[in-house]
Amino acid sequence: MSVLRRCKGAVLDIGCGPGRLVSALRALGHLVLGIDINHAAVARTADTGGAALCRSVFERLPGEGLWNTALLMDGNIGVGGDPPALLVRIGSLVSPRGGLLLVEAAAQDVHERLHVQFDDGRGRLGMPFPWARVGVAALRRTAAATGWQPGEHWSVGDRHFLELKRSAGSRPAHTRHQG
């Protein structure tokens, strides 16, 4: 709830999973869209009445440049394994006049890129894919280098969050995503 209370206007939930935040934000009166590359997660979001698309954040999305708030919860700063490219991309999705990004950072002071695999619970591993883990200090540096102003940092239990803001008229740097 500490994150949801900070959301303003129309919200884009990047890596929405089964849509728990999409549903909660809708109940709070926000226009909200979830995106995820997992078909089952998007179907579950839709089953609960939420709007969601099965799409990568690096693909064309509705409302580009118009979203008031974007969310990267549950470690989703790691999407694509390239946090600078992800932050630049999100900069093109939110409003250039004060767009807001709320990010959950790693609890540790870490900045690493790696390849991970999902385990299906039966010992079978999926294909490796790029991922990243970024702590608050590294996220502040990366954000500043990609056109974001780091704002408030807060914690709830062992979860750490950082607010990032777009400056009026700021333009995202152009970073090419490999993925």
N, C-alpha and C. Protein backbone atom coordinates (compact mmCIF):
# COMPACT_ATOMS: atom_id res chain seq x y z
N MET A 1 0.82 -1.21 0.00
CA MET A 1 0.00 0.00 0.00
C MET A 1 0.86 1.26 0.00
N SER A 2 2.07 1.18 0.56
CA SER A 2 2.91 2.38 0.59
C SER A 2 3.27 2.81 -0.83
N VAL A 3 3.38 1.87 -1.75
CA VAL A 3 3.65 2.18 -3.15
C VAL A 3 2.37 2.68 -3.82
N LEU A 4 1.27 1.98 -3.62
CA LEU A 4 0.02 2.32 -4.30
C LEU A 4 -0.45 3.73 -3.93
N ARG A 5 -0.24 4.14 -2.70
CA ARG A 5 -0.65 5.49 -2.28
C ARG A 5 0.15 6.57 -2.98
N ARG A 6 1.31 6.26 -3.50
CA ARG A 6 2.14 7.25 -4.18
C ARG A 6 1.83 7.35 -5.67
N CYS A 7 1.05 6.42 -6.22
CA CYS A 7 0.72 6.43 -7.64
C CYS A 7 -0.16 7.63 -7.96
N LYS A 8 0.10 8.21 -9.12
CA LYS A 8 -0.67 9.36 -9.59
C LYS A 8 -1.22 9.05 -10.97
N GLY A 9 -2.50 9.37 -11.19
CA GLY A 9 -3.10 9.26 -12.52
C GLY A 9 -3.08 7.86 -13.09
N ALA A 10 -2.86 7.81 -14.42
CA ALA A 10 -2.84 6.54 -15.15
C ALA A 10 -1.53 5.80 -14.85
N VAL A 11 -1.65 4.50 -14.54
CA VAL A 11 -0.51 3.71 -14.07
C VAL A 11 -0.23 2.55 -15.03
N LEU A 12 1.05 2.36 -15.37
CA LEU A 12 1.52 1.24 -16.16
C LEU A 12 2.31 0.32 -15.23
N ASP A 13 1.83 -0.91 -15.02
CA ASP A 13 2.50 -1.89 -14.17
C ASP A 13 3.33 -2.81 -15.06
N ILE A 14 4.63 -2.63 -15.03
CA ILE A 14 5.56 -3.36 -15.90
C ILE A 14 5.99 -4.64 -15.21
N GLY A 15 5.65 -5.78 -15.84
CA GLY A 15 5.89 -7.08 -15.22
C GLY A 15 4.81 -7.34 -14.18
N CYS A 16 3.57 -7.18 -14.57
CA CYS A 16 2.44 -7.20 -13.63
C CYS A 16 2.15 -8.57 -13.03
N GLY A 17 2.71 -9.64 -13.60
CA GLY A 17 2.42 -10.97 -13.07
C GLY A 17 0.92 -11.22 -13.08
N PRO A 18 0.39 -11.86 -12.03
CA PRO A 18 -1.04 -12.20 -12.02
C PRO A 18 -1.97 -11.03 -11.73
N GLY A 19 -1.43 -9.82 -11.60
CA GLY A 19 -2.27 -8.62 -11.57
C GLY A 19 -2.73 -8.14 -10.22
N ARG A 20 -2.06 -8.51 -9.14
CA ARG A 20 -2.52 -8.07 -7.82
C ARG A 20 -2.47 -6.55 -7.68
N LEU A 21 -1.45 -5.90 -8.23
CA LEU A 21 -1.37 -4.45 -8.15
C LEU A 21 -2.33 -3.78 -9.14
N VAL A 22 -2.53 -4.41 -10.29
CA VAL A 22 -3.50 -3.89 -11.26
C VAL A 22 -4.88 -3.84 -10.60
N SER A 23 -5.27 -4.92 -9.95
CA SER A 23 -6.58 -4.98 -9.28
C SER A 23 -6.67 -3.95 -8.16
N ALA A 24 -5.64 -3.85 -7.35
CA ALA A 24 -5.66 -2.91 -6.22
C ALA A 24 -5.73 -1.47 -6.71
N LEU A 25 -4.99 -1.14 -7.75
CA LEU A 25 -5.01 0.22 -8.28
C LEU A 25 -6.35 0.55 -8.92
N ARG A 26 -6.93 -0.43 -9.61
CA ARG A 26 -8.26 -0.23 -10.20
C ARG A 26 -9.28 0.06 -9.10
N ALA A 27 -9.18 -0.68 -8.00
CA ALA A 27 -10.09 -0.47 -6.87
C ALA A 27 -9.91 0.92 -6.25
N LEU A 28 -8.72 1.49 -6.38
CA LEU A 28 -8.45 2.84 -5.87
C LEU A 28 -8.86 3.93 -6.87
N GLY A 29 -9.37 3.52 -8.03
CA GLY A 29 -9.87 4.47 -9.02
C GLY A 29 -8.89 4.87 -10.10
N HIS A 30 -7.76 4.19 -10.21
CA HIS A 30 -6.78 4.53 -11.24
C HIS A 30 -7.12 3.82 -12.55
N LEU A 31 -6.82 4.48 -13.65
CA LEU A 31 -6.74 3.83 -14.95
C LEU A 31 -5.42 3.08 -14.90
N VAL A 32 -5.43 1.78 -15.14
CA VAL A 32 -4.20 1.00 -15.00
C VAL A 32 -4.13 -0.07 -16.07
N LEU A 33 -2.92 -0.28 -16.58
CA LEU A 33 -2.64 -1.34 -17.56
C LEU A 33 -1.44 -2.13 -17.06
N GLY A 34 -1.58 -3.44 -17.03
CA GLY A 34 -0.47 -4.31 -16.70
C GLY A 34 0.12 -4.89 -17.98
N ILE A 35 1.43 -5.06 -18.00
CA ILE A 35 2.07 -5.77 -19.11
C ILE A 35 2.97 -6.84 -18.52
N ASP A 36 3.04 -7.96 -19.22
CA ASP A 36 3.89 -9.07 -18.79
C ASP A 36 4.12 -9.95 -20.01
N ILE A 37 5.24 -10.65 -20.05
CA ILE A 37 5.50 -11.55 -21.18
C ILE A 37 4.96 -12.94 -20.95
N ASN A 38 4.41 -13.19 -19.76
CA ASN A 38 3.88 -14.51 -19.42
C ASN A 38 2.39 -14.55 -19.74
N HIS A 39 2.02 -15.42 -20.68
CA HIS A 39 0.61 -15.51 -21.11
C HIS A 39 -0.32 -15.88 -19.96
N ALA A 40 0.09 -16.81 -19.11
CA ALA A 40 -0.76 -17.24 -18.00
C ALA A 40 -0.99 -16.09 -17.01
N ALA A 41 0.04 -15.30 -16.75
CA ALA A 41 -0.09 -14.17 -15.84
C ALA A 41 -1.06 -13.14 -16.39
N VAL A 42 -0.94 -12.85 -17.68
CA VAL A 42 -1.82 -11.87 -18.31
C VAL A 42 -3.26 -12.38 -18.29
N ALA A 43 -3.46 -13.67 -18.55
CA ALA A 43 -4.81 -14.26 -18.51
C ALA A 43 -5.39 -14.16 -17.11
N ARG A 44 -4.58 -14.39 -16.11
CA ARG A 44 -5.07 -14.31 -14.72
C ARG A 44 -5.45 -12.87 -14.36
N THR A 45 -4.66 -11.91 -14.83
CA THR A 45 -4.99 -10.50 -14.60
C THR A 45 -6.33 -10.18 -15.24
N ALA A 46 -6.51 -10.62 -16.47
CA ALA A 46 -7.77 -10.37 -17.19
C ALA A 46 -8.94 -11.07 -16.50
N ASP A 47 -8.72 -12.27 -15.97
CA ASP A 47 -9.78 -13.01 -15.27
C ASP A 47 -10.29 -12.27 -14.04
N THR A 48 -9.45 -11.44 -13.45
CA THR A 48 -9.87 -10.67 -12.27
C THR A 48 -10.45 -9.31 -12.66
N GLY A 49 -10.58 -9.08 -13.97
CA GLY A 49 -11.17 -7.83 -14.45
C GLY A 49 -10.18 -6.74 -14.77
N GLY A 50 -8.89 -7.05 -14.66
CA GLY A 50 -7.86 -6.05 -14.95
C GLY A 50 -7.50 -6.01 -16.42
N ALA A 51 -6.99 -4.88 -16.86
CA ALA A 51 -6.52 -4.73 -18.24
C ALA A 51 -5.04 -5.11 -18.28
N ALA A 52 -4.68 -6.00 -19.19
CA ALA A 52 -3.29 -6.42 -19.30
C ALA A 52 -2.99 -6.87 -20.73
N LEU A 53 -1.76 -6.66 -21.14
CA LEU A 53 -1.29 -7.09 -22.45
C LEU A 53 -0.10 -8.02 -22.28
N CYS A 54 -0.04 -9.04 -23.12
CA CYS A 54 1.11 -9.92 -23.14
C CYS A 54 2.14 -9.30 -24.09
N ARG A 55 3.04 -8.54 -23.49
CA ARG A 55 3.97 -7.77 -24.29
C ARG A 55 5.18 -7.39 -23.46
N SER A 56 6.31 -7.25 -24.12
CA SER A 56 7.53 -6.77 -23.48
C SER A 56 7.46 -5.25 -23.38
N VAL A 57 8.08 -4.71 -22.35
CA VAL A 57 8.17 -3.26 -22.19
C VAL A 57 8.94 -2.64 -23.35
N PHE A 58 9.75 -3.42 -24.03
CA PHE A 58 10.55 -2.91 -25.14
C PHE A 58 9.81 -2.93 -26.46
N GLU A 59 8.57 -3.42 -26.47
CA GLU A 59 7.72 -3.39 -27.65
C GLU A 59 6.84 -2.14 -27.61
N ARG A 60 6.18 -1.86 -28.71
CA ARG A 60 5.26 -0.72 -28.76
C ARG A 60 4.12 -0.95 -27.77
N LEU A 61 3.78 0.11 -27.02
CA LEU A 61 2.72 0.02 -26.01
C LEU A 61 1.72 1.16 -26.18
N PRO A 62 0.48 0.94 -25.78
CA PRO A 62 -0.51 2.01 -25.84
C PRO A 62 -0.14 3.16 -24.90
N GLY A 63 -0.47 4.36 -25.32
CA GLY A 63 -0.29 5.53 -24.46
C GLY A 63 1.15 5.93 -24.22
N GLU A 64 2.05 5.60 -25.13
CA GLU A 64 3.46 5.96 -24.91
C GLU A 64 3.60 7.46 -24.72
N GLY A 65 4.29 7.85 -23.67
CA GLY A 65 4.51 9.25 -23.35
C GLY A 65 3.38 9.89 -22.55
N LEU A 66 2.34 9.11 -22.23
CA LEU A 66 1.18 9.65 -21.54
C LEU A 66 0.98 9.10 -20.13
N TRP A 67 1.66 8.03 -19.77
CA TRP A 67 1.45 7.42 -18.45
C TRP A 67 1.97 8.37 -17.37
N ASN A 68 1.19 8.52 -16.30
CA ASN A 68 1.60 9.38 -15.18
C ASN A 68 2.57 8.66 -14.25
N THR A 69 2.33 7.35 -14.05
CA THR A 69 3.15 6.56 -13.13
C THR A 69 3.45 5.22 -13.78
N ALA A 70 4.67 4.76 -13.60
CA ALA A 70 5.05 3.40 -14.00
C ALA A 70 5.56 2.68 -12.75
N LEU A 71 5.32 1.39 -12.70
CA LEU A 71 5.76 0.56 -11.56
C LEU A 71 6.73 -0.50 -12.02
N LEU A 72 7.77 -0.72 -11.23
CA LEU A 72 8.70 -1.83 -11.37
C LEU A 72 8.81 -2.48 -9.99
N MET A 73 7.87 -3.35 -9.68
CA MET A 73 7.84 -4.00 -8.37
C MET A 73 8.45 -5.40 -8.45
N ASP A 74 8.65 -6.00 -7.30
CA ASP A 74 9.10 -7.39 -7.20
C ASP A 74 10.40 -7.65 -7.95
N GLY A 75 11.31 -6.67 -7.91
CA GLY A 75 12.61 -6.84 -8.55
C GLY A 75 12.61 -6.63 -10.05
N ASN A 76 11.52 -6.09 -10.62
CA ASN A 76 11.42 -5.96 -12.08
C ASN A 76 12.34 -4.91 -12.68
N ILE A 77 13.15 -4.22 -11.88
CA ILE A 77 14.22 -3.39 -12.43
C ILE A 77 15.19 -4.29 -13.20
N GLY A 78 15.11 -5.59 -12.94
CA GLY A 78 15.98 -6.56 -13.62
C GLY A 78 15.54 -6.95 -15.00
N VAL A 79 14.34 -6.57 -15.43
CA VAL A 79 13.80 -6.96 -16.73
C VAL A 79 14.79 -6.62 -17.84
N GLY A 80 15.13 -7.59 -18.64
CA GLY A 80 16.03 -7.41 -19.77
C GLY A 80 17.50 -7.43 -19.42
N GLY A 81 17.84 -7.42 -18.13
CA GLY A 81 19.23 -7.49 -17.72
C GLY A 81 20.03 -6.22 -17.95
N ASP A 82 19.35 -5.12 -18.30
CA ASP A 82 20.04 -3.88 -18.63
C ASP A 82 19.27 -2.70 -18.03
N PRO A 83 19.47 -2.43 -16.71
CA PRO A 83 18.70 -1.36 -16.06
C PRO A 83 18.78 0.01 -16.75
N PRO A 84 19.96 0.44 -17.27
CA PRO A 84 19.95 1.74 -17.96
C PRO A 84 19.01 1.75 -19.17
N ALA A 85 19.03 0.69 -19.97
CA ALA A 85 18.14 0.63 -21.14
C ALA A 85 16.68 0.60 -20.70
N LEU A 86 16.39 -0.11 -19.62
CA LEU A 86 15.02 -0.17 -19.13
C LEU A 86 14.56 1.21 -18.65
N LEU A 87 15.39 1.93 -17.92
CA LEU A 87 15.02 3.25 -17.43
C LEU A 87 14.83 4.23 -18.58
N VAL A 88 15.67 4.15 -19.59
CA VAL A 88 15.50 5.01 -20.76
C VAL A 88 14.17 4.69 -21.44
N ARG A 89 13.87 3.41 -21.62
CA ARG A 89 12.62 3.02 -22.26
C ARG A 89 11.41 3.54 -21.46
N ILE A 90 11.44 3.38 -20.16
CA ILE A 90 10.33 3.85 -19.33
C ILE A 90 10.21 5.36 -19.41
N GLY A 91 11.34 6.04 -19.57
CA GLY A 91 11.31 7.49 -19.76
C GLY A 91 10.52 7.89 -20.99
N SER A 92 10.47 7.04 -22.00
CA SER A 92 9.68 7.34 -23.20
C SER A 92 8.21 6.96 -23.02
N LEU A 93 7.89 6.22 -21.97
CA LEU A 93 6.51 5.78 -21.74
C LEU A 93 5.74 6.73 -20.83
N VAL A 94 6.44 7.35 -19.88
CA VAL A 94 5.76 8.25 -18.94
C VAL A 94 5.74 9.66 -19.51
N SER A 95 4.87 10.47 -18.93
CA SER A 95 4.73 11.85 -19.35
C SER A 95 6.05 12.60 -19.15
N PRO A 96 6.46 13.38 -20.15
CA PRO A 96 7.69 14.16 -19.98
C PRO A 96 7.52 15.29 -18.97
N ARG A 97 6.29 15.55 -18.56
CA ARG A 97 6.02 16.62 -17.59
C ARG A 97 5.71 15.99 -16.24
N GLY A 98 6.73 15.51 -15.58
CA GLY A 98 6.54 15.03 -14.22
C GLY A 98 6.15 13.58 -14.08
N GLY A 99 6.45 12.75 -15.07
CA GLY A 99 6.18 11.32 -14.95
C GLY A 99 6.89 10.74 -13.74
N LEU A 100 6.30 9.71 -13.18
CA LEU A 100 6.78 9.12 -11.94
C LEU A 100 7.05 7.63 -12.15
N LEU A 101 8.15 7.14 -11.60
CA LEU A 101 8.48 5.72 -11.63
C LEU A 101 8.75 5.28 -10.20
N LEU A 102 8.04 4.25 -9.77
CA LEU A 102 8.24 3.68 -8.44
C LEU A 102 8.89 2.32 -8.61
N VAL A 103 10.06 2.14 -7.99
CA VAL A 103 10.89 0.96 -8.21
C VAL A 103 11.17 0.27 -6.89
N GLU A 104 11.06 -1.06 -6.91
CA GLU A 104 11.53 -1.85 -5.77
C GLU A 104 12.97 -2.26 -6.08
N ALA A 105 13.86 -1.88 -5.19
CA ALA A 105 15.29 -2.18 -5.36
C ALA A 105 15.66 -3.39 -4.50
N ALA A 106 16.81 -3.98 -4.83
CA ALA A 106 17.32 -5.10 -4.03
C ALA A 106 17.67 -4.61 -2.63
N ALA A 107 17.50 -5.48 -1.65
CA ALA A 107 17.80 -5.12 -0.26
C ALA A 107 19.31 -4.93 -0.05
N GLN A 108 20.12 -5.62 -0.82
CA GLN A 108 21.57 -5.53 -0.69
C GLN A 108 22.11 -4.39 -1.56
N ASP A 109 23.27 -3.89 -1.21
CA ASP A 109 23.95 -2.90 -2.04
C ASP A 109 24.64 -3.66 -3.17
N VAL A 110 23.91 -3.86 -4.26
CA VAL A 110 24.37 -4.70 -5.35
C VAL A 110 24.05 -4.04 -6.68
N HIS A 111 24.85 -4.33 -7.68
CA HIS A 111 24.58 -3.93 -9.06
C HIS A 111 25.19 -5.02 -9.93
N GLU A 112 24.35 -5.97 -10.32
CA GLU A 112 24.86 -7.11 -11.09
C GLU A 112 23.92 -7.48 -12.22
N ARG A 113 24.53 -7.97 -13.28
CA ARG A 113 23.79 -8.50 -14.42
C ARG A 113 24.12 -9.98 -14.50
N LEU A 114 23.12 -10.79 -14.75
CA LEU A 114 23.31 -12.23 -14.78
C LEU A 114 22.28 -12.87 -15.70
N HIS A 115 22.41 -14.16 -15.88
CA HIS A 115 21.41 -14.95 -16.59
C HIS A 115 20.76 -15.87 -15.57
N VAL A 116 19.44 -15.96 -15.62
CA VAL A 116 18.70 -16.79 -14.68
C VAL A 116 17.80 -17.75 -15.46
N GLN A 117 17.32 -18.77 -14.75
CA GLN A 117 16.40 -19.75 -15.33
C GLN A 117 15.29 -20.00 -14.33
N PHE A 118 14.09 -20.22 -14.84
CA PHE A 118 12.99 -20.62 -13.98
C PHE A 118 13.03 -22.12 -13.78
N ASP A 119 12.73 -22.55 -12.58
CA ASP A 119 12.56 -23.96 -12.24
C ASP A 119 11.05 -24.20 -12.16
N ASP A 120 10.55 -25.21 -12.87
CA ASP A 120 9.10 -25.44 -12.89
C ASP A 120 8.59 -26.16 -11.64
N GLY A 121 9.46 -26.39 -10.67
CA GLY A 121 9.06 -27.08 -9.45
C GLY A 121 9.18 -28.59 -9.55
N ARG A 122 9.50 -29.07 -10.72
CA ARG A 122 9.66 -30.52 -10.94
C ARG A 122 11.06 -30.85 -11.43
N GLY A 123 11.97 -29.88 -11.25
CA GLY A 123 13.35 -30.12 -11.63
C GLY A 123 13.69 -29.76 -13.07
N ARG A 124 12.73 -29.27 -13.82
CA ARG A 124 13.00 -28.86 -15.20
C ARG A 124 13.26 -27.36 -15.23
N LEU A 125 14.34 -26.98 -15.91
CA LEU A 125 14.71 -25.57 -16.01
C LEU A 125 14.32 -25.01 -17.36
N GLY A 126 13.86 -23.76 -17.35
CA GLY A 126 13.55 -23.06 -18.59
C GLY A 126 14.83 -22.53 -19.22
N MET A 127 14.66 -21.85 -20.34
CA MET A 127 15.80 -21.25 -21.04
C MET A 127 16.36 -20.09 -20.21
N PRO A 128 17.68 -19.93 -20.21
CA PRO A 128 18.27 -18.80 -19.49
C PRO A 128 17.86 -17.47 -20.14
N PHE A 129 17.70 -16.45 -19.30
CA PHE A 129 17.39 -15.12 -19.82
C PHE A 129 18.12 -14.08 -18.98
N PRO A 130 18.39 -12.91 -19.58
CA PRO A 130 19.13 -11.87 -18.85
C PRO A 130 18.28 -11.22 -17.77
N TRP A 131 18.93 -10.92 -16.65
CA TRP A 131 18.27 -10.30 -15.50
C TRP A 131 19.29 -9.42 -14.80
N ALA A 132 18.84 -8.55 -13.93
CA ALA A 132 19.75 -7.70 -13.16
C ALA A 132 19.19 -7.54 -11.75
N ARG A 133 20.09 -7.27 -10.83
CA ARG A 133 19.71 -6.91 -9.46
C ARG A 133 20.42 -5.59 -9.14
N VAL A 134 19.64 -4.65 -8.62
CA VAL A 134 20.17 -3.32 -8.36
C VAL A 134 19.70 -2.84 -6.99
N GLY A 135 20.65 -2.47 -6.14
CA GLY A 135 20.33 -1.89 -4.84
C GLY A 135 20.06 -0.40 -4.97
N VAL A 136 19.68 0.22 -3.88
CA VAL A 136 19.27 1.62 -3.91
C VAL A 136 20.39 2.55 -4.37
N ALA A 137 21.60 2.40 -3.86
CA ALA A 137 22.70 3.30 -4.25
C ALA A 137 22.98 3.22 -5.74
N ALA A 138 23.07 2.01 -6.27
CA ALA A 138 23.32 1.83 -7.71
C ALA A 138 22.14 2.33 -8.52
N LEU A 139 20.92 2.13 -8.03
CA LEU A 139 19.74 2.60 -8.75
C LEU A 139 19.73 4.12 -8.82
N ARG A 140 20.12 4.79 -7.75
CA ARG A 140 20.20 6.26 -7.77
C ARG A 140 21.18 6.74 -8.85
N ARG A 141 22.35 6.11 -8.92
CA ARG A 141 23.36 6.50 -9.93
C ARG A 141 22.85 6.23 -11.34
N THR A 142 22.27 5.06 -11.55
CA THR A 142 21.77 4.68 -12.87
C THR A 142 20.63 5.60 -13.29
N ALA A 143 19.76 5.91 -12.36
CA ALA A 143 18.63 6.79 -12.65
C ALA A 143 19.13 8.17 -13.09
N ALA A 144 20.03 8.74 -12.32
CA ALA A 144 20.55 10.07 -12.63
C ALA A 144 21.22 10.10 -14.00
N ALA A 145 21.90 9.01 -14.37
CA ALA A 145 22.59 8.94 -15.66
C ALA A 145 21.63 8.75 -16.83
N THR A 146 20.38 8.41 -16.56
CA THR A 146 19.42 8.14 -17.63
C THR A 146 18.25 9.12 -17.63
N GLY A 147 18.42 10.28 -17.00
CA GLY A 147 17.42 11.34 -17.08
C GLY A 147 16.35 11.33 -16.02
N TRP A 148 16.56 10.59 -14.95
CA TRP A 148 15.60 10.54 -13.85
C TRP A 148 16.17 11.27 -12.64
N GLN A 149 15.30 11.87 -11.84
CA GLN A 149 15.71 12.49 -10.58
C GLN A 149 15.32 11.55 -9.45
N PRO A 150 16.31 10.99 -8.75
CA PRO A 150 15.97 10.15 -7.60
C PRO A 150 15.27 10.98 -6.53
N GLY A 151 14.22 10.41 -5.97
CA GLY A 151 13.46 11.08 -4.92
C GLY A 151 13.50 10.28 -3.65
N GLU A 152 12.34 10.15 -3.04
CA GLU A 152 12.23 9.49 -1.74
C GLU A 152 12.61 8.01 -1.81
N HIS A 153 13.32 7.57 -0.78
CA HIS A 153 13.64 6.16 -0.57
C HIS A 153 12.95 5.76 0.72
N TRP A 154 12.23 4.63 0.69
CA TRP A 154 11.58 4.14 1.91
C TRP A 154 11.62 2.62 1.92
N SER A 155 11.43 2.08 3.10
CA SER A 155 11.43 0.62 3.28
C SER A 155 10.18 0.20 4.02
N VAL A 156 9.71 -0.98 3.70
CA VAL A 156 8.63 -1.63 4.42
C VAL A 156 9.13 -3.05 4.69
N GLY A 157 9.40 -3.35 5.96
CA GLY A 157 10.03 -4.64 6.28
C GLY A 157 11.39 -4.69 5.61
N ASP A 158 11.64 -5.76 4.86
CA ASP A 158 12.93 -5.89 4.17
C ASP A 158 12.83 -5.50 2.69
N ARG A 159 11.76 -4.81 2.31
CA ARG A 159 11.59 -4.36 0.92
C ARG A 159 11.95 -2.88 0.84
N HIS A 160 12.73 -2.52 -0.21
CA HIS A 160 13.22 -1.16 -0.39
C HIS A 160 12.67 -0.57 -1.68
N PHE A 161 12.22 0.69 -1.59
CA PHE A 161 11.58 1.35 -2.72
C PHE A 161 12.23 2.70 -2.96
N LEU A 162 12.24 3.10 -4.24
CA LEU A 162 12.78 4.40 -4.62
C LEU A 162 11.84 5.05 -5.61
N GLU A 163 11.58 6.33 -5.38
CA GLU A 163 10.76 7.13 -6.28
C GLU A 163 11.69 7.85 -7.25
N LEU A 164 11.38 7.77 -8.53
CA LEU A 164 12.15 8.47 -9.56
C LEU A 164 11.19 9.38 -10.31
N LYS A 165 11.64 10.58 -10.62
CA LYS A 165 10.79 11.55 -11.30
C LYS A 165 11.43 12.03 -12.59
N ARG A 166 10.58 12.29 -13.59
CA ARG A 166 11.04 12.93 -14.82
C ARG A 166 10.95 14.43 -14.61
N SER A 167 11.96 15.13 -15.02
CA SER A 167 11.92 16.58 -14.96
C SER A 167 11.11 17.09 -16.14
N ALA A 168 10.41 18.19 -15.94
CA ALA A 168 9.66 18.79 -17.04
C ALA A 168 10.61 19.07 -18.20
N GLY A 169 10.26 18.58 -19.36
CA GLY A 169 11.06 18.81 -20.56
C GLY A 169 12.27 17.92 -20.70
N SER A 170 12.55 17.04 -19.75
CA SER A 170 13.73 16.18 -19.89
C SER A 170 13.49 15.14 -20.97
N ARG A 171 14.51 14.82 -21.66
CA ARG A 171 14.44 13.84 -22.73
C ARG A 171 15.28 12.63 -22.32
N PRO A 172 14.74 11.42 -22.50
CA PRO A 172 15.54 10.25 -22.18
C PRO A 172 16.70 10.12 -23.15
N ALA A 173 17.83 9.67 -22.64
CA ALA A 173 18.96 9.34 -23.50
C ALA A 173 18.54 8.17 -24.38
N HIS A 174 19.22 7.96 -25.47
CA HIS A 174 18.88 6.82 -26.35
C HIS A 174 19.85 5.68 -26.08
N THR A 175 19.33 4.61 -25.55
CA THR A 175 20.11 3.42 -25.27
C THR A 175 19.46 2.28 -26.04
N ARG A 176 20.23 1.55 -26.78
CA ARG A 176 19.69 0.46 -27.55
C ARG A 176 19.64 -0.78 -26.68
N HIS A 177 18.47 -1.42 -26.62
CA HIS A 177 18.32 -2.63 -25.82
C HIS A 177 18.62 -3.85 -26.67
N GLN A 178 19.44 -4.71 -26.15
CA GLN A 178 19.76 -5.98 -26.80
C GLN A 178 18.93 -7.06 -26.13
N GLY A 179 17.89 -7.52 -26.69
CA GLY A 179 17.13 -8.54 -26.00
C GLY A 179 16.02 -8.97 -26.78
